[in-house]
């Protein structure tokens, strides 16, 4: 069974956020998805399609895909707050399940910590519990620093027509590099970073997950 998807551009918390809802109102517990670092909605499209009859919500965080660029750096707790406000604005008042992959797994944990009353179940994939999230091999780090790690998929056929595929790809990479290694994980920094800058700053990439 093919589930209908709806793409919307929503103004919230000072940002213009692109969000896609799949199977809205189909019943059951909705699933909120947090993408990997710098990844736009299209990267999760095959996974979303494999969910079957599960209602799903996924959005581009500020600086990624069709969402607006952030004016200031932000941390995980700021994005968790934005996600909470977004789900409320979309009409999800009851609890829902939360899924996060890679960097999105860190954000999912932060969301569950801040808004435990809204998170029924937490599902984590290819992520870390926090402070020691440093790649064990230099080769792995170099792969993370390459734009090739973002495999581009055609835009979803749900009325999305801006920006073009190339712009989406470039913005996702530039934001991903700044977000991952711009001084601290969970702190977005739109300007692009060279590979050397990326490697020098990688040891600081987990500060956003340190306890407050």
C-alpha atoms as a PDB file:
ATOM      1  CA  UNK A   1       0.000   0.000   0.000  1.00  0.00           C
ATOM      2  CA  UNK A   2       1.349   3.416  -1.052  1.00  0.00           C
ATOM      3  CA  UNK A   3       1.061   6.079   1.613  1.00  0.00           C
ATOM      4  CA  UNK A   4       0.390   9.672   0.553  1.00  0.00           C
ATOM      5  CA  UNK A   5       3.032  12.268   1.415  1.00  0.00           C
ATOM      6  CA  UNK A   6       2.601  15.995   1.918  1.00  0.00           C
ATOM      7  CA  UNK A   7       5.411  18.567   1.870  1.00  0.00           C
ATOM      8  CA  UNK A   8       4.943  21.901   3.616  1.00  0.00           C
ATOM      9  CA  UNK A   9       7.017  24.982   4.352  1.00  0.00           C
ATOM     10  CA  UNK A  10       6.333  26.121   7.923  1.00  0.00           C
ATOM     11  CA  UNK A  11       7.472  29.282   9.695  1.00  0.00           C
ATOM     12  CA  UNK A  12       8.439  28.413  13.266  1.00  0.00           C
ATOM     13  CA  UNK A  13      10.919  29.668  15.860  1.00  0.00           C
ATOM     14  CA  UNK A  14      12.217  32.236  13.382  1.00  0.00           C
ATOM     15  CA  UNK A  15      12.987  29.602  10.724  1.00  0.00           C
ATOM     16  CA  UNK A  16      11.321  28.502   7.505  1.00  0.00           C
ATOM     17  CA  UNK A  17      11.246  24.704   7.835  1.00  0.00           C
ATOM     18  CA  UNK A  18      10.482  22.178   5.114  1.00  0.00           C
ATOM     19  CA  UNK A  19       8.601  19.229   6.569  1.00  0.00           C
ATOM     20  CA  UNK A  20       7.191  16.098   4.949  1.00  0.00           C
ATOM     21  CA  UNK A  21       4.314  14.155   6.523  1.00  0.00           C
ATOM     22  CA  UNK A  22       3.613  10.654   5.276  1.00  0.00           C
ATOM     23  CA  UNK A  23       0.339   8.890   5.978  1.00  0.00           C
ATOM     24  CA  UNK A  24      -1.052  11.731   8.088  1.00  0.00           C
ATOM     25  CA  UNK A  25      -4.139  10.665   9.993  1.00  0.00           C
ATOM     26  CA  UNK A  26      -3.801   6.978   9.155  1.00  0.00           C
ATOM     27  CA  UNK A  27      -3.955   5.970  12.818  1.00  0.00           C
ATOM     28  CA  UNK A  28      -1.404   4.367  15.078  1.00  0.00           C
ATOM     29  CA  UNK A  29       1.543   6.054  16.775  1.00  0.00           C
ATOM     30  CA  UNK A  30       3.327   8.618  14.576  1.00  0.00           C
ATOM     31  CA  UNK A  31       7.101   8.448  14.070  1.00  0.00           C
ATOM     32  CA  UNK A  32       9.317  11.556  14.115  1.00  0.00           C
ATOM     33  CA  UNK A  33      12.618  11.058  12.269  1.00  0.00           C
ATOM     34  CA  UNK A  34      15.882  12.943  12.791  1.00  0.00           C
ATOM     35  CA  UNK A  35      18.311  12.690   9.878  1.00  0.00           C
ATOM     36  CA  UNK A  36      22.087  12.290   9.887  1.00  0.00           C
ATOM     37  CA  UNK A  37      24.387  15.287   9.844  1.00  0.00           C
ATOM     38  CA  UNK A  38      23.761  17.601   6.903  1.00  0.00           C
ATOM     39  CA  UNK A  39      21.269  15.147   5.391  1.00  0.00           C
ATOM     40  CA  UNK A  40      18.100  16.398   3.727  1.00  0.00           C
ATOM     41  CA  UNK A  41      14.716  14.710   3.533  1.00  0.00           C
ATOM     42  CA  UNK A  42      15.508  12.920   0.268  1.00  0.00           C
ATOM     43  CA  UNK A  43      18.227  10.865   1.966  1.00  0.00           C
ATOM     44  CA  UNK A  44      15.605   9.225   4.196  1.00  0.00           C
ATOM     45  CA  UNK A  45      13.094   8.664   1.399  1.00  0.00           C
ATOM     46  CA  UNK A  46      13.864   4.936   0.831  1.00  0.00           C
ATOM     47  CA  UNK A  47      13.693   4.282   4.575  1.00  0.00           C
ATOM     48  CA  UNK A  48      10.398   6.130   4.901  1.00  0.00           C
ATOM     49  CA  UNK A  49       8.904   4.188   2.017  1.00  0.00           C
ATOM     50  CA  UNK A  50       9.922   0.932   3.726  1.00  0.00           C
ATOM     51  CA  UNK A  51       8.002   1.801   6.898  1.00  0.00           C
ATOM     52  CA  UNK A  52       4.783   0.363   5.563  1.00  0.00           C
ATOM     53  CA  UNK A  53       1.647   1.862   7.089  1.00  0.00           C
ATOM     54  CA  UNK A  54       3.424   3.929   9.743  1.00  0.00           C
ATOM     55  CA  UNK A  55       2.655   7.635   9.902  1.00  0.00           C
ATOM     56  CA  UNK A  56       5.965   9.519   9.670  1.00  0.00           C
ATOM     57  CA  UNK A  57       7.212  13.095   9.993  1.00  0.00           C
ATOM     58  CA  UNK A  58      10.650  14.276   8.844  1.00  0.00           C
ATOM     59  CA  UNK A  59      12.023  17.783   8.348  1.00  0.00           C
ATOM     60  CA  UNK A  60      15.112  19.611   7.129  1.00  0.00           C
ATOM     61  CA  UNK A  61      16.840  21.268  10.052  1.00  0.00           C
ATOM     62  CA  UNK A  62      17.863  24.935   9.533  1.00  0.00           C
ATOM     63  CA  UNK A  63      20.642  25.224   6.968  1.00  0.00           C
ATOM     64  CA  UNK A  64      19.825  21.933   5.232  1.00  0.00           C
ATOM     65  CA  UNK A  65      17.732  21.222   2.124  1.00  0.00           C
ATOM     66  CA  UNK A  66      14.889  23.704   1.683  1.00  0.00           C
ATOM     67  CA  UNK A  67      14.926  25.045   5.247  1.00  0.00           C
ATOM     68  CA  UNK A  68      16.273  28.543   5.814  1.00  0.00           C
ATOM     69  CA  UNK A  69      19.845  29.263   6.879  1.00  0.00           C
ATOM     70  CA  UNK A  70      20.246  29.959  10.622  1.00  0.00           C
ATOM     71  CA  UNK A  71      21.342  33.450  11.600  1.00  0.00           C
ATOM     72  CA  UNK A  72      23.241  32.177  14.652  1.00  0.00           C
ATOM     73  CA  UNK A  73      24.814  28.859  15.680  1.00  0.00           C
ATOM     74  CA  UNK A  74      22.501  26.484  17.528  1.00  0.00           C
ATOM     75  CA  UNK A  75      22.837  23.500  19.840  1.00  0.00           C
ATOM     76  CA  UNK A  76      21.019  20.203  20.175  1.00  0.00           C
ATOM     77  CA  UNK A  77      18.670  21.514  22.847  1.00  0.00           C
ATOM     78  CA  UNK A  78      17.613  24.331  20.495  1.00  0.00           C
ATOM     79  CA  UNK A  79      16.771  21.853  17.723  1.00  0.00           C
ATOM     80  CA  UNK A  80      14.908  19.637  20.203  1.00  0.00           C
ATOM     81  CA  UNK A  81      12.786  22.652  21.162  1.00  0.00           C
ATOM     82  CA  UNK A  82      12.165  23.441  17.487  1.00  0.00           C
ATOM     83  CA  UNK A  83      11.058  19.831  16.863  1.00  0.00           C
ATOM     84  CA  UNK A  84       8.667  19.972  19.810  1.00  0.00           C
ATOM     85  CA  UNK A  85       7.123  23.213  18.556  1.00  0.00           C
ATOM     86  CA  UNK A  86       6.923  21.816  15.020  1.00  0.00           C
ATOM     87  CA  UNK A  87       5.079  18.671  16.073  1.00  0.00           C
ATOM     88  CA  UNK A  88       2.636  20.744  18.108  1.00  0.00           C
ATOM     89  CA  UNK A  89       1.987  23.047  15.166  1.00  0.00           C
ATOM     90  CA  UNK A  90       1.334  20.023  12.946  1.00  0.00           C
ATOM     91  CA  UNK A  91      -1.338  18.878  15.384  1.00  0.00           C
ATOM     92  CA  UNK A  92       0.515  16.112  17.229  1.00  0.00           C
ATOM     93  CA  UNK A  93      -0.528  16.661  20.830  1.00  0.00           C
ATOM     94  CA  UNK A  94      -0.193  13.068  22.036  1.00  0.00           C
ATOM     95  CA  UNK A  95       3.010  11.059  22.497  1.00  0.00           C
ATOM     96  CA  UNK A  96       4.841   9.685  19.476  1.00  0.00           C
ATOM     97  CA  UNK A  97       7.881   7.548  18.649  1.00  0.00           C
ATOM     98  CA  UNK A  98      11.246   9.148  17.849  1.00  0.00           C
ATOM     99  CA  UNK A  99      13.917   7.766  15.503  1.00  0.00           C
ATOM    100  CA  UNK A 100      17.412   9.186  14.989  1.00  0.00           C
ATOM    101  CA  UNK A 101      20.333   8.075  12.828  1.00  0.00           C
ATOM    102  CA  UNK A 102      23.959   9.191  13.252  1.00  0.00           C
ATOM    103  CA  UNK A 103      23.945  12.873  14.335  1.00  0.00           C
ATOM    104  CA  UNK A 104      20.171  12.632  14.370  1.00  0.00           C
ATOM    105  CA  UNK A 105      20.537   9.939  17.026  1.00  0.00           C
ATOM    106  CA  UNK A 106      22.188  12.475  19.307  1.00  0.00           C
ATOM    107  CA  UNK A 107      19.363  14.914  18.630  1.00  0.00           C
ATOM    108  CA  UNK A 108      16.791  12.172  19.274  1.00  0.00           C
ATOM    109  CA  UNK A 109      18.374  11.486  22.668  1.00  0.00           C
ATOM    110  CA  UNK A 110      18.296  15.188  23.489  1.00  0.00           C
ATOM    111  CA  UNK A 111      14.639  15.353  22.475  1.00  0.00           C
ATOM    112  CA  UNK A 112      13.762  12.379  24.695  1.00  0.00           C
ATOM    113  CA  UNK A 113      15.657  13.997  27.573  1.00  0.00           C
ATOM    114  CA  UNK A 114      13.881  17.342  27.243  1.00  0.00           C
ATOM    115  CA  UNK A 115      10.440  16.085  26.252  1.00  0.00           C
ATOM    116  CA  UNK A 116      10.146  12.622  27.776  1.00  0.00           C
ATOM    117  CA  UNK A 117       6.398  13.026  28.190  1.00  0.00           C
ATOM    118  CA  UNK A 118       6.037  13.239  24.386  1.00  0.00           C
ATOM    119  CA  UNK A 119       8.432  10.416  23.476  1.00  0.00           C
ATOM    120  CA  UNK A 120       6.792   6.987  23.722  1.00  0.00           C
ATOM    121  CA  UNK A 121       9.714   5.019  22.280  1.00  0.00           C
ATOM    122  CA  UNK A 122      13.224   6.023  21.254  1.00  0.00           C
ATOM    123  CA  UNK A 123      14.913   4.232  18.340  1.00  0.00           C
ATOM    124  CA  UNK A 124      18.619   4.879  17.660  1.00  0.00           C
ATOM    125  CA  UNK A 125      20.710   3.796  14.664  1.00  0.00           C
ATOM    126  CA  UNK A 126      24.444   4.194  13.946  1.00  0.00           C
ATOM    127  CA  UNK A 127      24.861   6.819  16.650  1.00  0.00           C
ATOM    128  CA  UNK A 128      26.608   7.393  19.983  1.00  0.00           C
ATOM    129  CA  UNK A 129      25.643   8.008  23.582  1.00  0.00           C
ATOM    130  CA  UNK A 130      27.757  11.126  23.754  1.00  0.00           C
ATOM    131  CA  UNK A 131      31.171  12.267  24.868  1.00  0.00           C
ATOM    132  CA  UNK A 132      33.491   9.714  23.228  1.00  0.00           C
ATOM    133  CA  UNK A 133      32.089   9.988  19.714  1.00  0.00           C
ATOM    134  CA  UNK A 134      35.433  10.297  17.898  1.00  0.00           C
ATOM    135  CA  UNK A 135      36.192   8.039  14.881  1.00  0.00           C
ATOM    136  CA  UNK A 136      38.745   5.371  15.733  1.00  0.00           C
ATOM    137  CA  UNK A 137      40.580   5.617  12.414  1.00  0.00           C
ATOM    138  CA  UNK A 138      41.841   8.592  10.415  1.00  0.00           C
ATOM    139  CA  UNK A 139      40.493   6.925   7.262  1.00  0.00           C
ATOM    140  CA  UNK A 140      36.990   7.039   8.727  1.00  0.00           C
ATOM    141  CA  UNK A 141      37.383  10.722   9.565  1.00  0.00           C
ATOM    142  CA  UNK A 142      38.547  11.519   6.026  1.00  0.00           C
ATOM    143  CA  UNK A 143      35.450   9.811   4.631  1.00  0.00           C
ATOM    144  CA  UNK A 144      33.279  11.946   6.887  1.00  0.00           C
ATOM    145  CA  UNK A 145      35.035  15.065   5.580  1.00  0.00           C
ATOM    146  CA  UNK A 146      34.208  14.260   1.952  1.00  0.00           C
ATOM    147  CA  UNK A 147      31.025  15.516   0.238  1.00  0.00           C
ATOM    148  CA  UNK A 148      30.722  12.082  -1.381  1.00  0.00           C
ATOM    149  CA  UNK A 149      29.241  10.769   1.879  1.00  0.00           C
ATOM    150  CA  UNK A 150      26.003  12.477   0.895  1.00  0.00           C
ATOM    151  CA  UNK A 151      24.348  10.381  -1.810  1.00  0.00           C
ATOM    152  CA  UNK A 152      21.855  12.579  -3.619  1.00  0.00           C
ATOM    153  CA  UNK A 153      18.372  11.319  -4.430  1.00  0.00           C
ATOM    154  CA  UNK A 154      15.838  13.099  -6.677  1.00  0.00           C
ATOM    155  CA  UNK A 155      13.431  15.396  -4.815  1.00  0.00           C
ATOM    156  CA  UNK A 156      10.295  13.738  -3.465  1.00  0.00           C
ATOM    157  CA  UNK A 157       7.297  14.057  -5.755  1.00  0.00           C
ATOM    158  CA  UNK A 158       5.247  16.016  -3.267  1.00  0.00           C
ATOM    159  CA  UNK A 159       5.327  19.500  -4.733  1.00  0.00           C
ATOM    160  CA  UNK A 160       8.863  20.458  -3.723  1.00  0.00           C
ATOM    161  CA  UNK A 161      10.391  22.733  -6.350  1.00  0.00           C
ATOM    162  CA  UNK A 162      13.020  24.874  -4.587  1.00  0.00           C
ATOM    163  CA  UNK A 163      15.959  25.002  -4.539  1.00  0.00           C
ATOM    164  CA  UNK A 164      17.174  22.759  -7.375  1.00  0.00           C
ATOM    165  CA  UNK A 165      18.914  19.413  -6.820  1.00  0.00           C
ATOM    166  CA  UNK A 166      22.403  20.878  -7.192  1.00  0.00           C
ATOM    167  CA  UNK A 167      21.689  23.673  -4.713  1.00  0.00           C
ATOM    168  CA  UNK A 168      20.240  21.179  -2.250  1.00  0.00           C
ATOM    169  CA  UNK A 169      23.311  18.966  -2.560  1.00  0.00           C
ATOM    170  CA  UNK A 170      25.779  21.835  -2.100  1.00  0.00           C
ATOM    171  CA  UNK A 171      23.918  23.357   0.846  1.00  0.00           C
ATOM    172  CA  UNK A 172      23.656  19.971   2.536  1.00  0.00           C
ATOM    173  CA  UNK A 173      27.395  19.397   2.201  1.00  0.00           C
ATOM    174  CA  UNK A 174      28.408  22.896   3.289  1.00  0.00           C
ATOM    175  CA  UNK A 175      26.133  22.804   6.284  1.00  0.00           C
ATOM    176  CA  UNK A 176      27.159  19.241   7.125  1.00  0.00           C
ATOM    177  CA  UNK A 177      30.830  20.155   7.247  1.00  0.00           C
ATOM    178  CA  UNK A 178      30.198  23.185   9.435  1.00  0.00           C
ATOM    179  CA  UNK A 179      27.715  21.381  11.645  1.00  0.00           C
ATOM    180  CA  UNK A 180      29.916  18.352  12.250  1.00  0.00           C
ATOM    181  CA  UNK A 181      33.248  20.050  12.777  1.00  0.00           C
ATOM    182  CA  UNK A 182      32.622  23.756  13.232  1.00  0.00           C
ATOM    183  CA  UNK A 183      33.773  23.786  16.829  1.00  0.00           C
ATOM    184  CA  UNK A 184      31.209  21.571  18.554  1.00  0.00           C
ATOM    185  CA  UNK A 185      28.661  18.956  17.636  1.00  0.00           C
ATOM    186  CA  UNK A 186      25.175  20.397  17.825  1.00  0.00           C
ATOM    187  CA  UNK A 187      26.403  23.835  16.831  1.00  0.00           C
ATOM    188  CA  UNK A 188      25.608  24.737  13.206  1.00  0.00           C
ATOM    189  CA  UNK A 189      27.924  26.969  11.214  1.00  0.00           C
ATOM    190  CA  UNK A 190      26.916  27.438   7.560  1.00  0.00           C
ATOM    191  CA  UNK A 191      30.301  28.382   5.964  1.00  0.00           C
ATOM    192  CA  UNK A 192      32.164  25.517   4.308  1.00  0.00           C
ATOM    193  CA  UNK A 193      35.281  24.063   5.900  1.00  0.00           C
ATOM    194  CA  UNK A 194      38.392  22.715   4.225  1.00  0.00           C
ATOM    195  CA  UNK A 195      39.471  19.167   4.972  1.00  0.00           C
ATOM    196  CA  UNK A 196      42.412  20.438   7.040  1.00  0.00           C
ATOM    197  CA  UNK A 197      40.106  22.639   9.109  1.00  0.00           C
ATOM    198  CA  UNK A 198      37.751  19.709   9.526  1.00  0.00           C
ATOM    199  CA  UNK A 199      40.477  17.425  10.868  1.00  0.00           C
ATOM    200  CA  UNK A 200      41.863  20.081  13.233  1.00  0.00           C
ATOM    201  CA  UNK A 201      38.488  20.718  14.779  1.00  0.00           C
ATOM    202  CA  UNK A 202      37.227  17.124  14.972  1.00  0.00           C
ATOM    203  CA  UNK A 203      38.401  16.596  18.545  1.00  0.00           C
ATOM    204  CA  UNK A 204      35.950  19.277  19.628  1.00  0.00           C
ATOM    205  CA  UNK A 205      33.049  17.740  17.744  1.00  0.00           C
ATOM    206  CA  UNK A 206      31.323  16.346  20.825  1.00  0.00           C
ATOM    207  CA  UNK A 207      31.139  19.363  23.114  1.00  0.00           C
ATOM    208  CA  UNK A 208      27.475  19.883  22.332  1.00  0.00           C
ATOM    209  CA  UNK A 209      26.705  16.558  24.032  1.00  0.00           C
ATOM    210  CA  UNK A 210      28.494  17.273  27.293  1.00  0.00           C
ATOM    211  CA  UNK A 211      26.236  17.469  30.371  1.00  0.00           C
ATOM    212  CA  UNK A 212      24.992  20.926  31.299  1.00  0.00           C
END
